Amino acid sequence: MIQIFTDGACAGNPGPGGWGVLIVDGEQRIELCGGESDTTNNRMELNAAIEALRATSGPVNLYTDSQYV
């Protein structure tokens, strides 16, 4: 089973923000990240999850620290 760990953050809300993803598939590790200059924390949390799912296929376990995703 593929394990996905996500996080998003924002300096101010709205403000500059970013998101990050770690995908663990057996021994393989993939890191993804991105950001925007004017966004919200919730948007970055959701972008992390969306981009992680776009980068994988099949069953996954997705972990996030956000209670809103």
Protein backbone atom coordinates (compact mmCIF):
# COMPACT_ATOMS: atom_id res chain seq x y z
CA MET A 1 0.00 0.00 0.00
CA ILE A 2 1.32 3.45 -0.93
CA GLN A 3 1.70 5.83 2.03
CA ILE A 4 1.21 9.57 1.41
CA PHE A 5 2.06 12.32 3.90
CA THR A 6 0.94 15.88 3.12
CA ASP A 7 1.13 19.35 4.61
CA GLY A 8 0.30 22.90 3.60
CA ALA A 9 1.03 26.24 5.20
CA CYS A 10 0.53 29.93 4.70
CA ALA A 11 2.23 33.06 6.13
CA GLY A 12 -0.83 35.14 6.84
CA ASN A 13 -4.22 34.01 5.67
CA PRO A 14 -4.31 34.96 2.84
CA GLY A 15 -0.64 35.35 2.08
CA PRO A 16 2.27 33.44 0.54
CA GLY A 17 1.90 29.69 1.02
CA GLY A 18 3.27 26.33 0.10
CA TRP A 19 2.53 22.63 0.17
CA GLY A 20 4.61 19.48 0.41
CA VAL A 21 4.11 15.76 -0.14
CA LEU A 22 6.08 12.64 0.70
CA ILE A 23 5.01 9.48 -1.16
CA VAL A 24 6.38 6.20 0.17
CA ASP A 25 6.00 3.19 -2.11
CA GLY A 26 8.06 0.35 -0.69
CA GLU A 27 11.67 1.53 -0.80
CA GLN A 28 10.88 4.38 -3.20
CA ARG A 29 10.45 7.92 -1.82
CA ILE A 30 9.03 10.77 -3.90
CA GLU A 31 8.86 14.38 -2.72
CA LEU A 32 6.59 16.97 -4.32
CA CYS A 33 6.15 20.63 -3.44
CA GLY A 34 4.70 23.87 -4.72
CA GLY A 35 3.33 27.18 -3.63
CA GLU A 36 1.60 30.42 -4.50
CA SER A 37 2.25 34.04 -3.63
CA ASP A 38 -1.32 34.83 -2.52
CA THR A 39 -3.32 31.92 -1.14
CA THR A 40 -4.85 30.45 2.02
CA ASN A 41 -3.76 27.72 4.39
CA ASN A 42 -6.75 25.52 3.54
CA ARG A 43 -6.02 25.81 -0.16
CA MET A 44 -2.42 24.68 0.37
CA GLU A 45 -3.55 21.73 2.51
CA LEU A 46 -5.95 20.66 -0.24
CA ASN A 47 -3.42 21.20 -3.04
CA ALA A 48 -1.00 18.87 -1.27
CA ALA A 49 -3.58 16.09 -1.15
CA ILE A 50 -4.72 16.67 -4.74
CA GLU A 51 -1.20 16.66 -6.17
CA ALA A 52 -0.32 13.54 -4.20
CA LEU A 53 -3.30 11.67 -5.59
CA ARG A 54 -2.50 12.87 -9.12
CA ALA A 55 1.00 11.43 -8.76
CA THR A 56 -0.18 7.96 -7.68
CA SER A 57 -2.54 5.23 -8.77
CA GLY A 58 -4.18 2.42 -6.91
CA PRO A 59 -4.97 2.19 -3.22
CA VAL A 60 -3.24 4.65 -0.89
CA ASN A 61 -3.23 5.69 2.74
CA LEU A 62 -3.19 9.50 2.88
CA TYR A 63 -2.13 11.26 6.08
CA THR A 64 -2.55 14.98 6.75
CA ASP A 65 -2.39 17.14 9.85
CA SER A 66 -5.38 19.18 8.72
CA GLN A 67 -8.83 18.56 10.15
CA TYR A 68 -10.36 20.29 7.10
CA VAL A 69 -9.14 18.00 4.29
